[in-house]
């Protein structure tokens, strides 16, 4: 595994951990092969590196719009950001979507 692949893997894991709302110990217990010590290491590693996981940094991501994707009343909208997919259906909770987007912005 390359350094970039390892970094991407841990950024994904950190995002999953933060979105879970669980403690480090609880999250690691449900993810086989990941110890609390490893997770703490990577959390500290990215916290200390400027620009990584920093809300002050901005990184633009490409957006692809498929011709097949038409938003019709009653249909869901699927938003893909890197490895993350968000399905937004009519009647969604705007506050929840806002929280999820904020977390993704911090991580991307």
Protein backbone atom coordinates (compact mmCIF):
# COMPACT_ATOMS: atom_id res chain seq x y z
CA UNK A 1 0.00 0.00 0.00
CA UNK A 2 1.42 3.39 -0.97
CA UNK A 3 1.70 6.27 1.48
CA UNK A 4 -1.13 8.10 -0.31
CA UNK A 5 -3.37 5.02 -0.15
CA UNK A 6 -2.64 4.58 3.56
CA UNK A 7 -3.42 8.26 4.18
CA UNK A 8 -6.70 7.99 2.26
CA UNK A 9 -7.63 4.83 4.18
CA UNK A 10 -7.08 6.54 7.53
CA UNK A 11 -8.84 9.74 6.48
CA UNK A 12 -11.85 7.58 5.60
CA UNK A 13 -11.63 5.74 8.93
CA UNK A 14 -11.35 9.01 10.85
CA UNK A 15 -14.42 10.38 9.04
CA UNK A 16 -16.37 7.22 9.89
CA UNK A 17 -15.27 7.45 13.52
CA UNK A 18 -16.25 11.11 13.84
CA UNK A 19 -19.64 10.55 12.20
CA UNK A 20 -20.36 7.57 14.46
CA UNK A 21 -20.61 9.60 17.66
CA UNK A 22 -18.93 6.72 19.48
CA UNK A 23 -15.95 6.81 21.80
CA UNK A 24 -12.60 5.63 20.42
CA UNK A 25 -12.90 2.37 22.36
CA UNK A 26 -16.47 1.71 21.19
CA UNK A 27 -15.66 2.45 17.56
CA UNK A 28 -12.55 0.26 17.55
CA UNK A 29 -14.49 -2.60 19.15
CA UNK A 30 -16.80 -2.65 16.11
CA UNK A 31 -13.93 -2.40 13.60
CA UNK A 32 -11.86 -5.55 13.69
CA UNK A 33 -8.11 -5.06 13.45
CA UNK A 34 -8.09 -1.41 14.54
CA UNK A 35 -6.87 -0.71 18.04
CA UNK A 36 -7.66 2.44 20.02
CA UNK A 37 -3.92 3.15 20.06
CA UNK A 38 -3.81 3.16 16.23
CA UNK A 39 -6.83 5.43 15.95
CA UNK A 40 -5.41 7.88 18.50
CA UNK A 41 -2.11 7.91 16.60
CA UNK A 42 -3.78 8.83 13.33
CA UNK A 43 -6.09 11.38 14.96
CA UNK A 44 -3.04 13.13 16.45
CA UNK A 45 -1.04 12.80 13.24
CA UNK A 46 -3.65 14.65 11.17
CA UNK A 47 -4.49 17.12 13.90
CA UNK A 48 -0.87 18.27 14.01
CA UNK A 49 -0.38 18.51 10.24
CA UNK A 50 -1.39 21.91 8.93
CA UNK A 51 -4.06 21.78 6.26
CA UNK A 52 -5.15 18.21 6.91
CA UNK A 53 -8.54 17.96 8.61
CA UNK A 54 -8.38 21.68 9.18
CA UNK A 55 -11.60 23.65 8.77
CA UNK A 56 -9.56 26.64 7.56
CA UNK A 57 -8.25 24.77 4.51
CA UNK A 58 -10.36 24.66 1.36
CA UNK A 59 -10.07 22.06 -1.35
CA UNK A 60 -12.30 22.09 -4.42
CA UNK A 61 -13.60 18.78 -5.66
CA UNK A 62 -14.77 18.01 -9.19
CA UNK A 63 -18.48 17.50 -9.73
CA UNK A 64 -19.79 15.30 -12.52
CA UNK A 65 -23.36 15.66 -13.69
CA UNK A 66 -24.73 12.70 -15.54
CA UNK A 67 -27.23 13.26 -18.35
CA UNK A 68 -29.18 10.33 -16.93
CA UNK A 69 -29.56 12.05 -13.57
CA UNK A 70 -32.78 13.96 -13.60
CA UNK A 71 -34.37 15.11 -10.38
CA UNK A 72 -38.07 14.53 -10.48
CA UNK A 73 -40.58 15.01 -7.74
CA UNK A 74 -40.61 11.96 -5.49
CA UNK A 75 -37.14 10.77 -6.49
CA UNK A 76 -33.97 10.80 -4.44
CA UNK A 77 -30.85 12.80 -5.20
CA UNK A 78 -27.55 10.90 -4.81
CA UNK A 79 -24.54 13.07 -3.94
CA UNK A 80 -21.08 11.46 -4.21
CA UNK A 81 -18.09 13.06 -2.48
CA UNK A 82 -15.00 10.87 -2.86
CA UNK A 83 -15.81 7.52 -1.26
CA UNK A 84 -18.93 8.90 0.43
CA UNK A 85 -22.45 8.81 -1.03
CA UNK A 86 -25.38 10.75 0.39
CA UNK A 87 -28.91 9.99 -0.72
CA UNK A 88 -31.28 12.92 -0.25
CA UNK A 89 -34.98 12.08 -0.49
CA UNK A 90 -37.99 14.39 -0.47
CA UNK A 91 -38.83 15.33 3.10
CA UNK A 92 -35.19 15.13 4.25
CA UNK A 93 -34.04 16.79 7.48
CA UNK A 94 -32.14 19.94 6.40
CA UNK A 95 -30.39 20.22 9.78
CA UNK A 96 -29.03 16.68 9.53
CA UNK A 97 -27.88 17.21 5.95
CA UNK A 98 -26.17 20.42 7.03
CA UNK A 99 -24.30 18.59 9.81
CA UNK A 100 -23.18 15.82 7.47
CA UNK A 101 -21.98 18.32 4.86
CA UNK A 102 -20.01 20.24 7.52
CA UNK A 103 -18.24 17.04 8.58
CA UNK A 104 -17.42 16.18 4.97
CA UNK A 105 -16.11 19.68 4.30
CA UNK A 106 -13.77 19.34 7.29
CA UNK A 107 -12.47 16.02 6.02
CA UNK A 108 -12.15 16.73 2.31
